[in-house]
Amino acid sequence: MQQSEENEWLARWREGRIGFHRDAVHPALVRFWPSLGAAPGAKVLVPLCGKSLDMRWLAEQGHPVLGIELATDAIEQFLAEGSGEVSRYHQGDFDICRQGSVELWGGDFFHFHIQQAAEIGAFYDRAALIALPPATRQRYAFHLAQLLPPGSVGLLISLTRGGEGAGPPYSVPAEEVRELFEPNFELTHLADGEPEDNGFYESAWALKRRGPMA
């Protein structure tokens, strides 16, 4: 992330400006995850995870979860709102907390490297891509592809809004989603949600990493 992007993100959490956070599991995750074909027990990468309850849902389905989050406030709130012992350790650029089968890596997603992603077999993105400005989204899509082995699957939820508008969240139309991800993923458009009061509507996408299987 650029320094200005980091500062804005940290300020949002510090000041409680987190309207993007949902107090319930996202219905598209519940609806579409079972059909993706993720391997049983596959570890799920959740970039820019915030304190999303979706991570707990994934863990309840038998998936270890690795969430990456820049804001320490988000991580500590997630742990406080959960239950169970918390273990803490450090690796590279990251401070890591584990509660149950959810690991939260505190740091910059772009500093997370393939050597640290050895066990990743799936991913979930509800609020990462749409949190990033246009210049960073291409970098994000490429970096995500580098972390995932061929055949791994994921669920992406994007937002689209007619006309111009400041973000985050940013509008990422279907054409841009395809441009960003089709070079490295098989991409399937699953559904569009109903328009919200703010003019946004969500779209759900299934992704599968291209490339020769090991």
Protein backbone atom coordinates (compact mmCIF):
# COMPACT_ATOMS: atom_id res chain seq x y z
CA MET A 1 0.00 0.00 0.00
CA GLN A 2 1.02 3.61 -0.52
CA GLN A 3 1.69 5.56 2.68
CA SER A 4 -1.38 7.77 2.15
CA GLU A 5 -3.59 4.68 1.70
CA GLU A 6 -2.17 3.15 4.88
CA ASN A 7 -2.78 6.31 6.88
CA GLU A 8 -6.40 6.60 5.71
CA TRP A 9 -7.10 2.94 6.50
CA LEU A 10 -5.60 3.16 9.98
CA ALA A 11 -7.50 6.39 10.68
CA ARG A 12 -10.80 4.75 9.73
CA TRP A 13 -10.31 2.03 12.31
CA ARG A 14 -8.99 4.38 14.95
CA GLU A 15 -11.99 6.70 14.53
CA GLY A 16 -14.59 3.94 14.10
CA ARG A 17 -15.41 4.88 10.50
CA ILE A 18 -16.00 1.28 9.49
CA GLY A 19 -19.36 1.34 7.75
CA PHE A 20 -18.05 -1.42 5.49
CA HIS A 21 -18.01 -3.86 8.42
CA ARG A 22 -20.97 -6.24 8.54
CA ASP A 23 -22.43 -7.47 11.83
CA ALA A 24 -23.43 -10.77 10.22
CA VAL A 25 -21.88 -13.33 7.89
CA HIS A 26 -22.17 -12.23 4.28
CA PRO A 27 -25.06 -14.09 2.60
CA ALA A 28 -23.11 -14.54 -0.64
CA LEU A 29 -20.42 -16.43 1.26
CA VAL A 30 -22.98 -18.82 2.74
CA ARG A 31 -24.72 -19.20 -0.62
CA PHE A 32 -21.76 -19.71 -2.93
CA TRP A 33 -18.81 -21.04 -0.93
CA PRO A 34 -20.03 -24.67 -0.84
CA SER A 35 -20.22 -24.75 -4.66
CA LEU A 36 -16.64 -23.54 -5.26
CA GLY A 37 -15.11 -26.93 -4.64
CA ALA A 38 -12.50 -25.83 -2.11
CA ALA A 39 -10.59 -28.83 -0.80
CA PRO A 40 -11.76 -29.96 2.65
CA GLY A 41 -9.55 -28.38 5.27
CA ALA A 42 -7.89 -26.01 2.79
CA LYS A 43 -6.44 -22.91 4.47
CA VAL A 44 -8.27 -19.79 3.29
CA LEU A 45 -6.44 -16.51 2.70
CA VAL A 46 -8.50 -13.41 3.55
CA PRO A 47 -6.65 -10.23 2.46
CA LEU A 48 -7.48 -6.91 4.19
CA CYS A 49 -9.73 -8.90 6.50
CA GLY A 50 -10.69 -6.27 9.08
CA LYS A 51 -12.62 -8.03 11.85
CA SER A 52 -14.95 -9.85 9.47
CA LEU A 53 -17.24 -12.47 10.95
CA ASP A 54 -16.91 -14.30 7.64
CA MET A 55 -13.59 -15.66 8.92
CA ARG A 56 -15.31 -17.39 11.82
CA TRP A 57 -17.87 -18.88 9.44
CA LEU A 58 -15.12 -20.27 7.24
CA ALA A 59 -13.42 -21.74 10.30
CA GLU A 60 -16.70 -23.39 11.31
CA GLN A 61 -16.76 -25.08 7.88
CA GLY A 62 -13.44 -26.73 8.73
CA HIS A 63 -11.13 -24.28 6.99
CA PRO A 64 -8.13 -22.81 8.80
CA VAL A 65 -8.13 -19.08 8.04
CA LEU A 66 -5.22 -16.71 7.47
CA GLY A 67 -6.38 -13.11 7.55
CA ILE A 68 -4.04 -10.22 6.74
CA GLU A 69 -4.84 -6.82 8.23
CA LEU A 70 -2.87 -3.61 8.52
CA ALA A 71 -4.92 -2.07 11.37
CA THR A 72 -4.02 -3.37 14.81
CA ASP A 73 -7.34 -1.99 16.08
CA ALA A 74 -9.24 -4.36 13.78
CA ILE A 75 -7.24 -7.38 14.92
CA GLU A 76 -7.66 -6.63 18.61
CA GLN A 77 -11.41 -6.07 18.19
CA PHE A 78 -11.77 -9.39 16.37
CA LEU A 79 -9.97 -11.22 19.17
CA ALA A 80 -11.91 -9.42 21.91
CA GLU A 81 -15.23 -10.26 20.27
CA GLY A 82 -14.27 -13.93 19.94
CA SER A 83 -13.60 -16.60 22.51
CA GLY A 84 -10.67 -18.82 23.31
CA GLU A 85 -7.03 -18.39 24.10
CA VAL A 86 -4.92 -16.12 21.92
CA SER A 87 -1.34 -17.00 21.01
CA ARG A 88 0.98 -14.34 19.62
CA TYR A 89 4.22 -14.61 17.69
CA HIS A 90 6.24 -12.81 15.03
CA GLN A 91 7.38 -13.75 11.54
CA GLY A 92 9.15 -11.44 9.10
CA ASP A 93 7.25 -8.17 8.84
CA PHE A 94 4.17 -9.53 10.64
CA ASP A 95 2.85 -9.74 14.18
CA ILE A 96 0.64 -12.82 14.22
CA CYS A 97 -2.25 -13.69 16.52
CA ARG A 98 -4.02 -17.03 16.55
CA GLN A 99 -7.43 -17.73 18.08
CA GLY A 100 -8.81 -21.16 17.38
CA SER A 101 -8.18 -21.93 13.71
CA VAL A 102 -8.03 -18.26 12.69
CA GLU A 103 -4.62 -16.61 12.27
CA LEU A 104 -4.46 -12.84 11.92
CA TRP A 105 -1.28 -11.47 10.38
CA GLY A 106 -0.79 -7.82 11.27
CA GLY A 107 0.96 -6.02 8.44
CA ASP A 108 0.90 -5.03 4.77
CA PHE A 109 -0.62 -7.61 2.39
CA PHE A 110 2.01 -6.73 -0.21
CA HIS A 111 4.75 -7.80 2.22
CA PHE A 112 3.24 -11.30 2.50
CA HIS A 113 5.33 -13.63 0.36
CA ILE A 114 4.84 -16.98 -1.28
CA GLN A 115 7.11 -18.72 1.24
CA GLN A 116 4.62 -17.72 3.95
CA ALA A 117 1.68 -18.92 1.85
CA ALA A 118 2.80 -22.52 1.50
CA GLU A 119 -0.39 -23.97 3.02
CA ILE A 120 -2.88 -21.62 1.33
CA GLY A 121 -5.41 -23.47 -0.82
CA ALA A 122 -8.27 -20.97 -1.24
CA PHE A 123 -9.12 -17.30 -0.74
CA TYR A 124 -12.02 -15.01 0.08
CA ASP A 125 -12.22 -11.29 -0.79
CA ARG A 126 -15.24 -9.29 0.34
CA ALA A 127 -13.63 -5.92 1.05
CA ALA A 128 -10.03 -5.98 -0.19
CA LEU A 129 -10.21 -5.20 -3.91
CA ILE A 130 -12.86 -2.52 -3.42
CA ALA A 131 -10.78 -0.83 -0.70
CA LEU A 132 -7.93 -0.14 -3.12
CA PRO A 133 -7.61 2.72 -5.64
CA PRO A 134 -7.23 1.86 -9.33
CA ALA A 135 -3.43 1.94 -9.48
CA THR A 136 -3.15 -0.50 -6.58
CA ARG A 137 -5.83 -2.94 -7.74
CA GLN A 138 -3.67 -4.30 -10.58
CA ARG A 139 -0.82 -4.86 -8.16
CA TYR A 140 -3.23 -6.59 -5.78
CA ALA A 141 -4.60 -8.98 -8.41
CA PHE A 142 -1.09 -9.96 -9.52
CA HIS A 143 0.18 -10.43 -5.96
CA LEU A 144 -2.84 -12.56 -5.05
CA ALA A 145 -2.19 -14.78 -8.06
CA GLN A 146 1.43 -15.29 -7.00
CA LEU A 147 0.34 -16.53 -3.57
CA LEU A 148 -2.12 -19.18 -4.79
CA PRO A 149 -1.24 -22.57 -6.24
CA PRO A 150 -2.80 -23.74 -9.52
CA GLY A 151 -6.26 -25.19 -8.99
CA SER A 152 -6.99 -23.20 -5.84
CA VAL A 153 -10.36 -21.48 -5.72
CA GLY A 154 -11.78 -18.30 -4.28
CA LEU A 155 -14.84 -16.13 -3.89
CA LEU A 156 -14.67 -12.42 -4.76
CA ILE A 157 -17.41 -9.92 -3.97
CA SER A 158 -17.05 -6.67 -5.89
CA LEU A 159 -19.04 -3.42 -5.85
CA THR A 160 -20.30 -1.41 -8.80
CA ARG A 161 -21.87 2.04 -8.82
CA GLY A 162 -23.06 4.12 -11.74
CA GLY A 163 -21.22 7.39 -12.25
CA GLU A 164 -18.17 8.69 -10.47
CA GLY A 165 -17.69 8.57 -6.74
CA ALA A 166 -14.90 8.79 -4.24
CA GLY A 167 -13.82 5.73 -2.35
CA PRO A 168 -13.22 3.60 -0.52
CA PRO A 169 -15.20 1.59 -1.18
CA TYR A 170 -14.45 1.96 -4.86
CA SER A 171 -16.62 0.92 -7.75
CA VAL A 172 -14.97 -1.94 -9.66
CA PRO A 173 -17.17 -2.81 -12.65
CA ALA A 174 -17.34 -6.24 -14.24
CA GLU A 175 -15.07 -5.26 -17.13
CA GLU A 176 -12.30 -4.30 -14.72
CA VAL A 177 -12.74 -7.46 -12.64
CA ARG A 178 -12.25 -9.50 -15.81
CA GLU A 179 -9.27 -7.43 -16.92
CA LEU A 180 -7.59 -7.82 -13.53
CA PHE A 181 -8.13 -11.51 -12.93
CA GLU A 182 -8.64 -13.38 -16.21
CA PRO A 183 -4.91 -13.51 -17.05
CA ASN A 184 -4.34 -15.79 -14.04
CA PHE A 185 -7.75 -17.14 -13.05
CA GLU A 186 -10.74 -18.87 -14.57
CA LEU A 187 -13.47 -16.39 -13.70
CA THR A 188 -17.18 -17.10 -13.34
CA HIS A 189 -19.78 -14.42 -12.63
CA LEU A 190 -22.19 -15.92 -10.08
CA ALA A 191 -24.78 -13.24 -9.32
CA ASP A 192 -25.51 -9.55 -8.86
CA GLY A 193 -27.17 -8.21 -5.74
CA GLU A 194 -29.96 -5.66 -5.50
CA PRO A 195 -28.91 -1.99 -5.67
CA GLU A 196 -28.36 -0.43 -2.24
CA ASP A 197 -29.48 3.04 -1.12
CA ASN A 198 -26.03 4.44 -1.88
CA GLY A 199 -26.23 3.30 -5.50
CA PHE A 200 -23.85 0.37 -5.14
CA TYR A 201 -24.67 -3.20 -5.99
CA GLU A 202 -22.54 -6.24 -5.21
CA SER A 203 -21.41 -8.92 -7.62
CA ALA A 204 -20.17 -12.38 -6.65
CA TRP A 205 -17.44 -14.12 -8.64
CA ALA A 206 -15.90 -17.58 -8.46
CA LEU A 207 -12.20 -17.77 -9.31
CA LYS A 208 -9.90 -20.72 -9.98
CA ARG A 209 -6.14 -20.26 -10.34
CA ARG A 210 -4.87 -21.20 -13.76
CA GLY A 211 -1.69 -23.16 -14.33
CA PRO A 212 -0.38 -26.73 -14.45
CA MET A 213 -1.22 -28.86 -11.45
CA ALA A 214 1.69 -30.20 -9.42
